[in-house]
Amino acid sequence: MTTIKPGSILIGTQQPDELREWYRQALAPDHEGDGAIDFGGFLLVIDGRDDVDAKNSEPGRTILNFHVDDFDAVEAQLRSAGVNWLFPVADREAGRFGTFADPDGNYLQIIQLKHS
């Protein structure tokens, strides 16, 4: 049996240029050019769509998680980009979590897992 590996996620939006720029500024400030934003081999594709609402009405249904090695550095980067934090950063049994939203209301998290 062949094991499949996710390679990308597509986010549909009514404002593709603005949303792509937000993702670039908040999460990939070194990314240049058009097209997908590469997060270490996992691609984020942002596509203009007329079949989606301007705001996600069920943002908790799917949450895009970014696993990080230096939570404090990424948290500072996100704060300086002005992200909308949904909950205070929390230390949990599994690690440290921070949940925020993009301009379309989609939920994202940064996570630094504890290694046992």
Protein backbone atom coordinates (compact mmCIF):
# COMPACT_ATOMS: atom_id res chain seq x y z
CA MET A 1 0.00 0.00 0.00
CA THR A 2 1.24 3.47 -0.88
CA THR A 3 1.25 6.08 1.86
CA ILE A 4 0.00 9.44 0.71
CA LYS A 5 1.45 12.70 1.99
CA PRO A 6 -0.39 16.03 2.01
CA GLY A 7 1.42 18.55 -0.15
CA SER A 8 -0.75 21.65 -0.14
CA ILE A 9 -3.88 23.33 1.05
CA LEU A 10 -6.03 25.74 -0.94
CA ILE A 11 -7.77 28.64 0.74
CA GLY A 12 -10.58 30.14 -1.32
CA THR A 13 -11.26 33.83 -0.81
CA GLN A 14 -12.95 36.85 -2.36
CA GLN A 15 -9.76 38.85 -1.80
CA PRO A 16 -6.85 36.69 -3.00
CA ASP A 17 -4.20 39.40 -3.34
CA GLU A 18 -4.89 40.88 0.09
CA LEU A 19 -5.08 37.50 1.82
CA ARG A 20 -1.91 36.24 0.16
CA GLU A 21 -0.07 39.38 1.26
CA TRP A 22 -1.33 38.92 4.83
CA TYR A 23 -0.01 35.34 4.90
CA ARG A 24 3.28 36.47 3.44
CA GLN A 25 3.72 39.28 5.99
CA ALA A 26 2.54 37.27 9.00
CA LEU A 27 4.04 33.85 8.31
CA ALA A 28 6.53 34.00 5.44
CA PRO A 29 8.19 37.43 5.34
CA ASP A 30 11.10 36.10 3.26
CA HIS A 31 8.82 34.69 0.55
CA GLU A 32 8.95 36.48 -2.76
CA GLY A 33 7.11 36.07 -6.03
CA ASP A 34 3.66 34.95 -7.01
CA GLY A 35 2.07 31.57 -6.63
CA ALA A 36 2.00 29.19 -3.70
CA ILE A 37 3.78 30.04 -0.47
CA ASP A 38 6.16 27.22 0.43
CA PHE A 39 6.29 26.25 4.11
CA GLY A 40 9.07 23.70 4.07
CA GLY A 41 7.59 21.58 1.29
CA PHE A 42 3.94 22.14 2.25
CA LEU A 43 2.35 24.65 -0.11
CA LEU A 44 -0.29 27.24 0.73
CA VAL A 45 -2.34 28.13 -2.34
CA ILE A 46 -4.67 31.13 -2.15
CA ASP A 47 -7.31 31.27 -4.88
CA GLY A 48 -9.88 33.89 -5.78
CA ARG A 49 -13.33 32.33 -5.59
CA ASP A 50 -16.84 33.67 -6.05
CA ASP A 51 -18.47 30.67 -4.38
CA VAL A 52 -17.29 31.53 -0.84
CA ASP A 53 -18.45 34.16 1.64
CA ALA A 54 -16.21 37.09 2.53
CA LYS A 55 -15.87 35.66 6.07
CA ASN A 56 -15.64 32.01 7.11
CA SER A 57 -18.87 31.22 8.97
CA GLU A 58 -17.43 28.06 10.61
CA PRO A 59 -13.75 28.84 11.19
CA GLY A 60 -13.27 26.18 13.87
CA ARG A 61 -14.12 23.38 11.44
CA THR A 62 -10.61 23.32 9.96
CA ILE A 63 -7.57 24.85 11.66
CA LEU A 64 -4.26 25.19 9.87
CA ASN A 65 -1.47 24.30 12.32
CA PHE A 66 2.12 25.48 12.06
CA HIS A 67 4.55 23.49 14.17
CA VAL A 68 7.46 25.64 15.32
CA ASP A 69 10.77 25.12 17.12
CA ASP A 70 10.96 28.61 18.66
CA PHE A 71 7.48 29.59 19.82
CA ASP A 72 8.56 32.91 21.32
CA ALA A 73 10.21 34.09 18.08
CA VAL A 74 7.20 33.17 15.94
CA GLU A 75 4.79 34.69 18.46
CA ALA A 76 6.76 37.96 18.33
CA GLN A 77 6.73 37.89 14.51
CA LEU A 78 2.96 37.38 14.50
CA ARG A 79 2.36 40.10 17.09
CA SER A 80 4.41 42.57 15.05
CA ALA A 81 2.32 41.63 11.99
CA GLY A 82 -0.79 42.52 14.03
CA VAL A 83 -2.50 39.14 14.04
CA ASN A 84 -5.92 38.79 15.66
CA TRP A 85 -5.27 36.45 18.62
CA LEU A 86 -8.42 34.52 19.48
CA PHE A 87 -7.28 33.16 22.84
CA PRO A 88 -4.29 33.87 25.05
CA VAL A 89 -1.23 31.76 24.27
CA ALA A 90 -1.54 28.63 26.39
CA ASP A 91 0.81 26.03 27.78
CA ARG A 92 -0.92 22.67 27.61
CA GLU A 93 0.11 19.14 28.42
CA ALA A 94 1.18 18.50 24.80
CA GLY A 95 2.99 21.83 24.34
CA ARG A 96 2.47 25.52 23.74
CA PHE A 97 -0.40 26.77 21.53
CA GLY A 98 -1.41 30.11 20.08
CA THR A 99 -4.60 30.51 18.05
CA PHE A 100 -5.27 33.42 15.71
CA ALA A 101 -7.31 34.30 12.63
CA ASP A 102 -6.55 35.54 9.14
CA PRO A 103 -8.53 38.45 7.62
CA ASP A 104 -11.15 36.02 6.23
CA GLY A 105 -11.71 34.60 9.71
CA ASN A 106 -9.94 31.26 9.12
CA TYR A 107 -8.33 29.88 12.27
CA LEU A 108 -4.63 29.09 12.47
CA GLN A 109 -2.40 27.90 15.29
CA ILE A 110 1.26 27.91 16.08
CA ILE A 111 2.28 24.92 18.14
CA GLN A 112 5.50 23.94 19.84
CA LEU A 113 5.08 20.35 20.99
CA LYS A 114 6.87 19.02 24.05
CA HIS A 115 9.30 16.27 23.22
CA SER A 116 9.42 13.47 25.74
